[in-house]
Every structure is written in C-alpha cells, then in structure tokens.
C-alpha atoms as a PDB file:
ATOM      1  CA  MET A   1     101.967-119.863  38.867  1.00  0.00           C
ATOM      2  CA  LYS A   2     102.546-116.278  39.963  1.00  0.00           C
ATOM      3  CA  ASN A   3     103.446-117.523  43.446  1.00  0.00           C
ATOM      4  CA  ARG A   4     106.114-119.844  42.015  1.00  0.00           C
ATOM      5  CA  VAL A   5     107.673-117.018  40.024  1.00  0.00           C
ATOM      6  CA  LEU A   6     107.805-114.929  43.186  1.00  0.00           C
ATOM      7  CA  LEU A   7     109.538-117.768  45.023  1.00  0.00           C
ATOM      8  CA  PHE A   8     112.171-117.979  42.275  1.00  0.00           C
ATOM      9  CA  VAL A   9     112.610-114.200  42.474  1.00  0.00           C
ATOM     10  CA  ALA A  10     112.997-114.541  46.253  1.00  0.00           C
ATOM     11  CA  ASP A  11     115.773-117.107  45.779  1.00  0.00           C
ATOM     12  CA  VAL A  12     117.468-114.802  43.256  1.00  0.00           C
ATOM     13  CA  ALA A  13     117.205-111.891  45.704  1.00  0.00           C
ATOM     14  CA  LEU A  14     118.792-113.988  48.461  1.00  0.00           C
ATOM     15  CA  VAL A  15     121.738-114.937  46.246  1.00  0.00           C
ATOM     16  CA  VAL A  16     122.180-111.303  45.199  1.00  0.00           C
ATOM     17  CA  LEU A  17     122.041-110.309  48.879  1.00  0.00           C
ATOM     18  CA  PHE A  18     124.844-112.778  49.611  1.00  0.00           C
ATOM     19  CA  VAL A  19     127.049-111.160  46.960  1.00  0.00           C
ATOM     20  CA  VAL A  20     126.189-107.581  47.916  1.00  0.00           C
ATOM     21  CA  ILE A  21     126.961-108.221  51.591  1.00  0.00           C
ATOM     22  CA  GLY A  22     130.241-109.908  50.664  1.00  0.00           C
ATOM     23  CA  THR A  23     131.365-107.187  48.303  1.00  0.00           C
ATOM     24  CA  ARG A  24     130.518-104.488  50.820  1.00  0.00           C
ATOM     25  CA  ASN A  25     132.331-106.289  53.648  1.00  0.00           C
ATOM     26  CA  HIS A  26     135.443-106.702  51.522  1.00  0.00           C
ATOM     27  CA  ASN A  27     135.141-103.338  49.797  1.00  0.00           C
ATOM     28  CA  THR A  28     135.245-104.902  46.333  1.00  0.00           C
ATOM     29  CA  ASP A  29     133.080-104.858  43.231  1.00  0.00           C
ATOM     30  CA  LYS A  30     131.692-101.389  43.838  1.00  0.00           C
ATOM     31  CA  ASN A  31     129.731-100.954  40.617  1.00  0.00           C
ATOM     32  CA  VAL A  32     126.831-102.806  39.030  1.00  0.00           C
ATOM     33  CA  PRO A  33     128.844-104.586  36.285  1.00  0.00           C
ATOM     34  CA  ASP A  34     131.345-105.914  38.835  1.00  0.00           C
ATOM     35  CA  ILE A  35     128.589-107.084  41.178  1.00  0.00           C
ATOM     36  CA  ALA A  36     126.794-108.695  38.221  1.00  0.00           C
ATOM     37  CA  ALA A  37     129.993-110.547  37.290  1.00  0.00           C
ATOM     38  CA  THR A  38     130.348-111.777  40.867  1.00  0.00           C
ATOM     39  CA  VAL A  39     126.749-112.929  41.216  1.00  0.00           C
ATOM     40  CA  ALA A  40     126.421-114.467  37.722  1.00  0.00           C
ATOM     41  CA  PRO A  41     127.972-117.891  38.447  1.00  0.00           C
ATOM     42  CA  PHE A  42     125.796-118.301  41.525  1.00  0.00           C
ATOM     43  CA  LEU A  43     122.637-117.294  39.668  1.00  0.00           C
ATOM     44  CA  ILE A  44     123.502-119.826  36.992  1.00  0.00           C
ATOM     45  CA  GLY A  45     123.945-122.431  39.730  1.00  0.00           C
ATOM     46  CA  LEU A  46     120.603-121.412  41.228  1.00  0.00           C
ATOM     47  CA  SER A  47     118.914-121.739  37.835  1.00  0.00           C
ATOM     48  CA  VAL A  48     120.487-125.150  37.274  1.00  0.00           C
ATOM     49  CA  GLY A  49     119.130-126.208  40.654  1.00  0.00           C
ATOM     50  CA  TRP A  50     115.636-124.970  39.858  1.00  0.00           C
ATOM     51  CA  ILE A  51     115.654-126.782  36.510  1.00  0.00           C
ATOM     52  CA  ALA A  52     117.244-130.007  37.808  1.00  0.00           C
ATOM     53  CA  THR A  53     114.766-130.292  40.673  1.00  0.00           C
ATOM     54  CA  ARG A  54     111.818-129.007  38.664  1.00  0.00           C
ATOM     55  CA  ALA A  55     111.381-126.668  41.606  1.00  0.00           C
ATOM     56  CA  TRP A  56     108.335-124.985  40.095  1.00  0.00           C
ATOM     57  CA  LYS A  57     106.389-128.112  41.132  1.00  0.00           C
ATOM     58  CA  THR A  58     107.383-127.942  44.815  1.00  0.00           C
ATOM     59  CA  PRO A  59     109.312-124.681  45.240  1.00  0.00           C
ATOM     60  CA  SER A  60     108.897-124.453  48.988  1.00  0.00           C
ATOM     61  CA  ALA A  61     109.803-128.057  49.869  1.00  0.00           C
ATOM     62  CA  VAL A  62     112.854-128.352  52.108  1.00  0.00           C
ATOM     63  CA  SER A  63     114.283-131.131  49.920  1.00  0.00           C
ATOM     64  CA  THR A  64     113.978-128.815  46.905  1.00  0.00           C
ATOM     65  CA  GLY A  65     115.784-126.094  48.843  1.00  0.00           C
ATOM     66  CA  ILE A  66     118.628-128.425  49.767  1.00  0.00           C
ATOM     67  CA  ALA A  67     119.152-129.430  46.137  1.00  0.00           C
ATOM     68  CA  ILE A  68     118.979-125.798  45.014  1.00  0.00           C
ATOM     69  CA  TRP A  69     121.471-124.828  47.707  1.00  0.00           C
ATOM     70  CA  ILE A  70     123.943-127.534  46.639  1.00  0.00           C
ATOM     71  CA  SER A  71     123.605-126.495  43.012  1.00  0.00           C
ATOM     72  CA  THR A  72     123.901-122.782  43.755  1.00  0.00           C
ATOM     73  CA  VAL A  73     127.105-123.170  45.738  1.00  0.00           C
ATOM     74  CA  GLY A  74     128.599-126.112  43.828  1.00  0.00           C
ATOM     75  CA  VAL A  75     127.946-124.944  40.283  1.00  0.00           C
ATOM     76  CA  GLY A  76     128.552-121.342  41.312  1.00  0.00           C
ATOM     77  CA  MET A  77     131.992-122.090  42.741  1.00  0.00           C
ATOM     78  CA  LEU A  78     133.005-124.232  39.767  1.00  0.00           C
ATOM     79  CA  LEU A  79     131.938-121.552  37.309  1.00  0.00           C
ATOM     80  CA  ARG A  80     133.528-118.800  39.402  1.00  0.00           C
ATOM     81  CA  HIS A  81     136.828-120.673  39.401  1.00  0.00           C
ATOM     82  CA  PHE A  82     136.964-122.072  35.866  1.00  0.00           C
ATOM     83  CA  ALA A  83     134.818-119.737  33.736  1.00  0.00           C
ATOM     84  CA  TRP A  84     135.302-116.437  35.576  1.00  0.00           C
ATOM     85  CA  GLN A  85     138.838-117.201  36.860  1.00  0.00           C
ATOM     86  CA  ARG A  86     138.044-115.707  40.246  1.00  0.00           C
ATOM     87  CA  GLY A  87     139.035-116.812  43.710  1.00  0.00           C
ATOM     88  CA  THR A  88     137.477-119.741  45.511  1.00  0.00           C
ATOM     89  CA  ALA A  89     139.392-119.768  48.779  1.00  0.00           C
ATOM     90  CA  GLY A  90     138.320-122.356  51.318  1.00  0.00           C
ATOM     91  CA  ALA A  91     136.969-119.728  53.705  1.00  0.00           C
ATOM     92  CA  PHE A  92     134.894-118.196  50.904  1.00  0.00           C
ATOM     93  CA  ILE A  93     133.401-121.575  50.044  1.00  0.00           C
ATOM     94  CA  VAL A  94     132.480-122.163  53.690  1.00  0.00           C
ATOM     95  CA  VAL A  95     130.899-118.716  54.084  1.00  0.00           C
ATOM     96  CA  ALA A  96     129.010-119.063  50.805  1.00  0.00           C
ATOM     97  CA  ALA A  97     127.764-122.506  51.780  1.00  0.00           C
ATOM     98  CA  ILE A  98     126.601-121.399  55.236  1.00  0.00           C
ATOM     99  CA  PHE A  99     124.947-118.152  54.126  1.00  0.00           C
ATOM    100  CA  ASN A 100     123.130-119.799  51.250  1.00  0.00           C
ATOM    101  CA  LEU A 101     122.108-122.753  53.430  1.00  0.00           C
ATOM    102  CA  PHE A 102     120.488-120.419  55.936  1.00  0.00           C
ATOM    103  CA  THR A 103     118.733-118.399  53.255  1.00  0.00           C
ATOM    104  CA  LEU A 104     117.804-120.818  50.461  1.00  0.00           C
ATOM    105  CA  VAL A 105     116.888-123.674  52.798  1.00  0.00           C
ATOM    106  CA  GLY A 106     116.052-121.576  55.857  1.00  0.00           C
ATOM    107  CA  TRP A 107     112.949-119.876  54.470  1.00  0.00           C
ATOM    108  CA  ARG A 108     111.649-123.252  53.352  1.00  0.00           C
ATOM    109  CA  VAL A 109     112.151-124.760  56.811  1.00  0.00           C
ATOM    110  CA  MET A 110     110.378-121.798  58.418  1.00  0.00           C
ATOM    111  CA  ARG A 111     107.485-122.081  55.960  1.00  0.00           C
ATOM    112  CA  GLU A 112     107.177-125.823  56.561  1.00  0.00           C
ATOM    113  CA  ASN A 113     107.060-125.263  60.334  1.00  0.00           C
ATOM    114  CA  ILE A 114     104.387-122.581  59.997  1.00  0.00           C
ATOM    115  CA  VAL A 115     102.283-124.715  57.667  1.00  0.00           C
ATOM    116  CA  SER A 116     102.538-127.781  59.896  1.00  0.00           C
ATOM    117  CA  ARG A 117     101.557-125.782  62.990  1.00  0.00           C
ATOM    118  CA  ARG A 118      98.536-124.346  61.242  1.00  0.00           C
ATOM    119  CA  GLY A 119      97.565-127.718  59.825  1.00  0.00           C
ATOM    120  CA  ILE A 120      97.374-126.328  56.295  1.00  0.00           C
END
C-alpha cells in the first residue's frame, strides 16, 4: 500500500512541476497561494482520474496513466476555465496535454519496458 501512495504522490509532484515550470517561464504566480490556485484544478482532475480508474489497484499500468492524463488535463482545464475563471488558450491546452502526457504516462511506459525486459 505504501508503494501506491508514493506513486500517487509522484503523480502529484509531476503536476505541480508542470505548474511551477509554467509559472516561472511566464513570470506569473510568484507566491505559494497563487501557485496553489493554479495547480488546484489540475490536482482535482488528477484525483478524479485516480478515483475513476481505481488507480490504486494498478497504479503503474500504462492504460491507467492514459486515463489519469485525460482526466488531469480535461477536468483541470474545465475547472480552470469555469470555476477559477482563468485562461485556457489553445496553446496552453496543447502544452499542458503534451507535458502531462510525457510525465504521467511516460514514467509508466518506462516502468513497463524495464519490467518486461527483466521478466518480472
């Protein structure tokens, strides 16, 4: 169980990293409350994905990662736009989708490749 909690924390850290990199690149949201407000809709989307997929059963499966990624970006963008009344420009959606694809799904693909090579 501890391992599954760590994998959830890893996903959270990757989503936070996405926001921190974005806010630093655009020189916005310089304090913790502003960063928290920016990351909140995406963390809610991530949590929805974990719950909807019951990710704690197969947290490192690539299919789980894809569903979590879709939820993180989809729910996150909808909440950001409608609940937080913040921008969701097309370019931002594309960047968010690509970054989170590479991180939330990417580590799962790498793990699957390592496991299959080792025959575990």
